[in-house]
Amino acid sequence: MMEITFDQSNPNHLVETSKLIKVVSEQMQGKICVGAGTVMNIAQCDAAFQAGAKYFITPNVNVDVIRKANELEVVFIPGALSPTEAAYAYEEGADFVKLFPAGDLGSNYIKSLCAPLNHIPFLAVGGVSPDNIKEFANAGVCGFGVGGKLIDKKAIYNGEYEKITKIAQEYTNRK
C-alpha cells in the first residue's frame, strides 16, 4: 500500500496530489494499492477517488469525510488520539483507526486504549521503527503505517532500491 498525501500548505495540492495518485494507480495497477493521505475535506475525497485512490487516511476525525468515504466505498482510516475520538470515528463508519503519533504515545498508552476498545481495528502510525514494531504488535494493534523510517530518499534518487528492501525486511523480521 502506498499513501500519497495532500500537502495542505501547497495552494495547488488538489491538482498535484491527484496527478500523483493517478500515475501510481495506473502504472502500478495490481502491484500497489494507492491511497490518499491527509484528506481533510470533501473536495479532496472527490479528487483522490477520481484519481484512483482506494483508501483515505486523515490526521483527524471528520464526520463529513467519513461519510463521503463510505459513500464512495473506499476504506477510511482516520487518526485519533483519545478513546473518545477513536470510538466516535469507528461508530461513524471508519474501517480502521490510526493511533497517531504512535511513537510519542508509546506502546503502554496504546495497550491501555486497545484493552477496552478491542473491537476497533487500530493501526500504529508515526514513529514506528524496526526497534519498536514488536512492542506495538504486542500492545494490540492490527497493523502499522511506516514512512519516514522506511523510505530513504537518497537511496531512491540513486536507484539503490535494495537499501529500502533491507529496511522493509528489518520491519518484517521483528514482528
Protein backbone atom coordinates (compact mmCIF):
# COMPACT_ATOMS: atom_id res chain seq x y z
CA MET A 1 0.00 0.00 0.00
CA MET A 2 1.23 3.47 -0.80
CA GLU A 3 -0.23 6.65 0.67
CA ILE A 4 0.17 9.87 -1.30
CA THR A 5 -0.57 12.84 0.92
CA PHE A 6 -2.22 16.15 0.27
CA ASP A 7 0.12 18.98 1.30
CA GLN A 8 -2.31 21.48 2.81
CA SER A 9 0.26 24.29 2.60
CA ASN A 10 0.51 23.96 -1.19
CA PRO A 11 -2.19 26.07 -2.88
CA ASN A 12 -2.16 23.65 -5.85
CA HIS A 13 -2.28 20.49 -3.72
CA LEU A 14 -5.59 19.26 -5.12
CA VAL A 15 -4.31 19.06 -8.69
CA GLU A 16 -0.75 17.96 -7.91
CA THR A 17 -1.69 15.19 -5.47
CA SER A 18 -4.44 13.91 -7.75
CA LYS A 19 -1.94 13.65 -10.62
CA LEU A 20 0.46 11.62 -8.47
CA ILE A 21 -2.31 9.29 -7.30
CA LYS A 22 -3.42 8.77 -10.89
CA VAL A 23 0.09 8.00 -12.15
CA VAL A 24 0.77 5.45 -9.40
CA SER A 25 -2.71 3.96 -9.72
CA GLU A 26 -2.35 3.46 -13.47
CA GLN A 27 1.31 2.46 -13.68
CA MET A 28 1.33 0.17 -10.65
CA GLN A 29 -2.11 -1.38 -11.06
CA GLY A 30 -2.18 -4.76 -9.41
CA LYS A 31 1.16 -4.13 -7.69
CA ILE A 32 0.43 -1.22 -5.34
CA CYS A 33 -2.82 -0.25 -3.69
CA VAL A 34 -2.69 3.54 -3.72
CA GLY A 35 -4.48 5.76 -1.26
CA ALA A 36 -4.74 9.41 -0.33
CA GLY A 37 -3.41 10.81 2.92
CA THR A 38 -4.08 13.95 4.90
CA VAL A 39 -7.57 14.05 3.39
CA MET A 40 -9.22 16.96 5.16
CA ASN A 41 -12.36 17.78 3.14
CA ILE A 42 -14.91 16.58 0.60
CA ALA A 43 -13.11 18.16 -2.39
CA GLN A 44 -10.01 16.13 -1.57
CA CYS A 45 -12.13 12.97 -1.23
CA ASP A 46 -13.63 13.51 -4.67
CA ALA A 47 -10.31 14.37 -6.32
CA ALA A 48 -8.50 11.40 -4.77
CA PHE A 49 -11.27 8.97 -5.65
CA GLN A 50 -11.45 10.16 -9.26
CA ALA A 51 -7.66 9.75 -9.50
CA GLY A 52 -7.88 6.13 -8.34
CA ALA A 53 -7.34 6.19 -4.56
CA LYS A 54 -8.65 3.03 -2.88
CA TYR A 55 -8.44 4.36 0.67
CA PHE A 56 -8.33 7.66 2.53
CA ILE A 57 -6.26 8.46 5.61
CA THR A 58 -6.79 11.53 7.74
CA PRO A 59 -4.93 13.01 10.69
CA ASN A 60 -8.22 13.71 12.46
CA VAL A 61 -11.84 12.64 12.87
CA ASN A 62 -14.08 14.50 10.42
CA VAL A 63 -17.58 13.00 10.14
CA ASP A 64 -18.25 14.60 6.75
CA VAL A 65 -15.13 12.97 5.33
CA ILE A 66 -16.02 9.61 6.93
CA ARG A 67 -19.49 9.73 5.36
CA LYS A 68 -18.08 10.69 1.96
CA ALA A 69 -15.57 7.82 2.09
CA ASN A 70 -18.37 5.41 2.95
CA GLU A 71 -20.49 6.81 0.11
CA LEU A 72 -17.59 6.25 -2.30
CA GLU A 73 -17.00 2.79 -0.80
CA VAL A 74 -13.32 3.35 -0.07
CA VAL A 75 -11.53 2.21 3.05
CA PHE A 76 -11.36 5.02 5.58
CA ILE A 77 -8.66 5.39 8.24
CA PRO A 78 -8.91 8.49 10.46
CA GLY A 79 -6.32 9.47 13.02
CA ALA A 80 -7.26 9.56 16.70
CA LEU A 81 -5.54 10.21 19.97
CA SER A 82 -8.15 9.67 22.66
CA PRO A 83 -10.60 6.86 23.42
CA THR A 84 -13.45 9.27 22.66
CA GLU A 85 -12.09 10.12 19.21
CA ALA A 86 -11.34 6.51 18.38
CA ALA A 87 -14.77 5.21 19.43
CA TYR A 88 -16.57 8.07 17.68
CA ALA A 89 -14.68 7.55 14.42
CA TYR A 90 -15.40 3.83 14.44
CA GLU A 91 -19.08 4.33 15.31
CA GLU A 92 -19.39 6.77 12.41
CA GLY A 93 -18.03 4.24 9.91
CA ALA A 94 -14.22 4.23 9.96
CA ASP A 95 -12.79 0.90 8.83
CA PHE A 96 -9.65 1.25 10.93
CA VAL A 97 -8.46 3.93 13.36
CA LYS A 98 -4.86 5.04 13.28
CA LEU A 99 -3.29 5.92 16.59
CA PHE A 100 -1.10 8.85 15.76
CA PRO A 101 1.60 9.66 16.66
CA ALA A 102 2.23 6.15 17.98
CA GLY A 103 5.89 6.76 18.75
CA ASP A 104 5.02 9.66 21.01
CA LEU A 105 2.03 7.89 22.57
CA GLY A 106 4.06 4.79 23.35
CA SER A 107 3.06 1.16 23.43
CA ASN A 108 1.79 1.33 27.04
CA TYR A 109 -0.76 4.00 26.14
CA ILE A 110 -1.84 2.05 23.07
CA LYS A 111 -2.18 -1.15 25.11
CA SER A 112 -4.37 0.70 27.62
CA LEU A 113 -6.51 2.10 24.80
CA CYS A 114 -6.84 -1.22 22.99
CA ALA A 115 -7.99 -3.10 26.10
CA PRO A 116 -11.49 -1.59 26.41
CA LEU A 117 -11.78 -0.81 22.70
CA ASN A 118 -10.65 -4.21 21.45
CA HIS A 119 -13.45 -4.28 18.87
CA ILE A 120 -11.80 -1.41 16.98
CA PRO A 121 -9.07 -2.35 14.48
CA PHE A 122 -6.22 0.01 15.41
CA LEU A 123 -3.13 0.87 13.38
CA ALA A 124 0.03 2.30 14.92
CA VAL A 125 1.29 5.16 12.76
CA GLY A 126 4.07 7.69 13.26
CA GLY A 127 7.30 6.74 14.93
CA VAL A 128 7.06 3.01 14.23
CA SER A 129 10.52 1.57 13.67
CA PRO A 130 12.08 -1.89 13.41
CA ASP A 131 13.15 -1.41 17.04
CA ASN A 132 9.62 -0.87 18.44
CA ILE A 133 7.28 -2.61 15.99
CA LYS A 134 7.05 -5.73 18.17
CA GLU A 135 6.01 -3.62 21.17
CA PHE A 136 3.17 -2.10 19.16
CA ALA A 137 2.10 -5.51 17.85
CA ASN A 138 2.02 -6.82 21.42
CA ALA A 139 0.00 -3.76 22.51
CA GLY A 140 -2.90 -4.89 20.33
CA VAL A 141 -2.77 -3.07 17.00
CA CYS A 142 -3.65 -4.96 13.84
CA GLY A 143 -1.32 -3.07 11.53
CA PHE A 144 1.24 -0.33 11.08
CA GLY A 145 1.90 2.73 8.98
CA VAL A 146 5.53 3.45 8.26
CA GLY A 147 7.04 6.13 6.10
CA GLY A 148 9.91 8.31 7.17
CA LYS A 149 11.86 5.47 8.75
CA LEU A 150 11.29 3.22 5.74
CA ILE A 151 11.88 5.49 2.78
CA ASP A 152 15.43 6.66 2.18
CA LYS A 153 15.10 9.49 -0.34
CA LYS A 154 18.80 9.42 -1.16
CA ALA A 155 18.57 5.70 -1.96
CA ILE A 156 15.58 6.36 -4.24
CA TYR A 157 17.37 9.11 -6.15
CA ASN A 158 20.44 6.90 -6.53
CA GLY A 159 18.39 3.89 -7.62
CA GLU A 160 19.59 1.90 -4.59
CA TYR A 161 16.30 0.13 -4.02
CA GLU A 162 17.97 -2.77 -2.25
CA LYS A 163 18.52 -0.41 0.72
CA ILE A 164 14.77 0.16 1.03
CA THR A 165 14.17 -3.59 0.68
CA LYS A 166 16.65 -4.22 3.50
CA ILE A 167 14.89 -1.72 5.79
CA ALA A 168 11.50 -3.26 4.96
CA GLN A 169 12.89 -6.68 5.83
CA GLU A 170 14.02 -5.32 9.21
CA TYR A 171 10.38 -4.45 9.94
CA THR A 172 9.02 -7.83 8.96
CA ASN A 173 11.77 -9.79 10.70
CA ARG A 174 10.98 -8.15 14.04
CA LYS A 175 7.23 -8.66 14.07
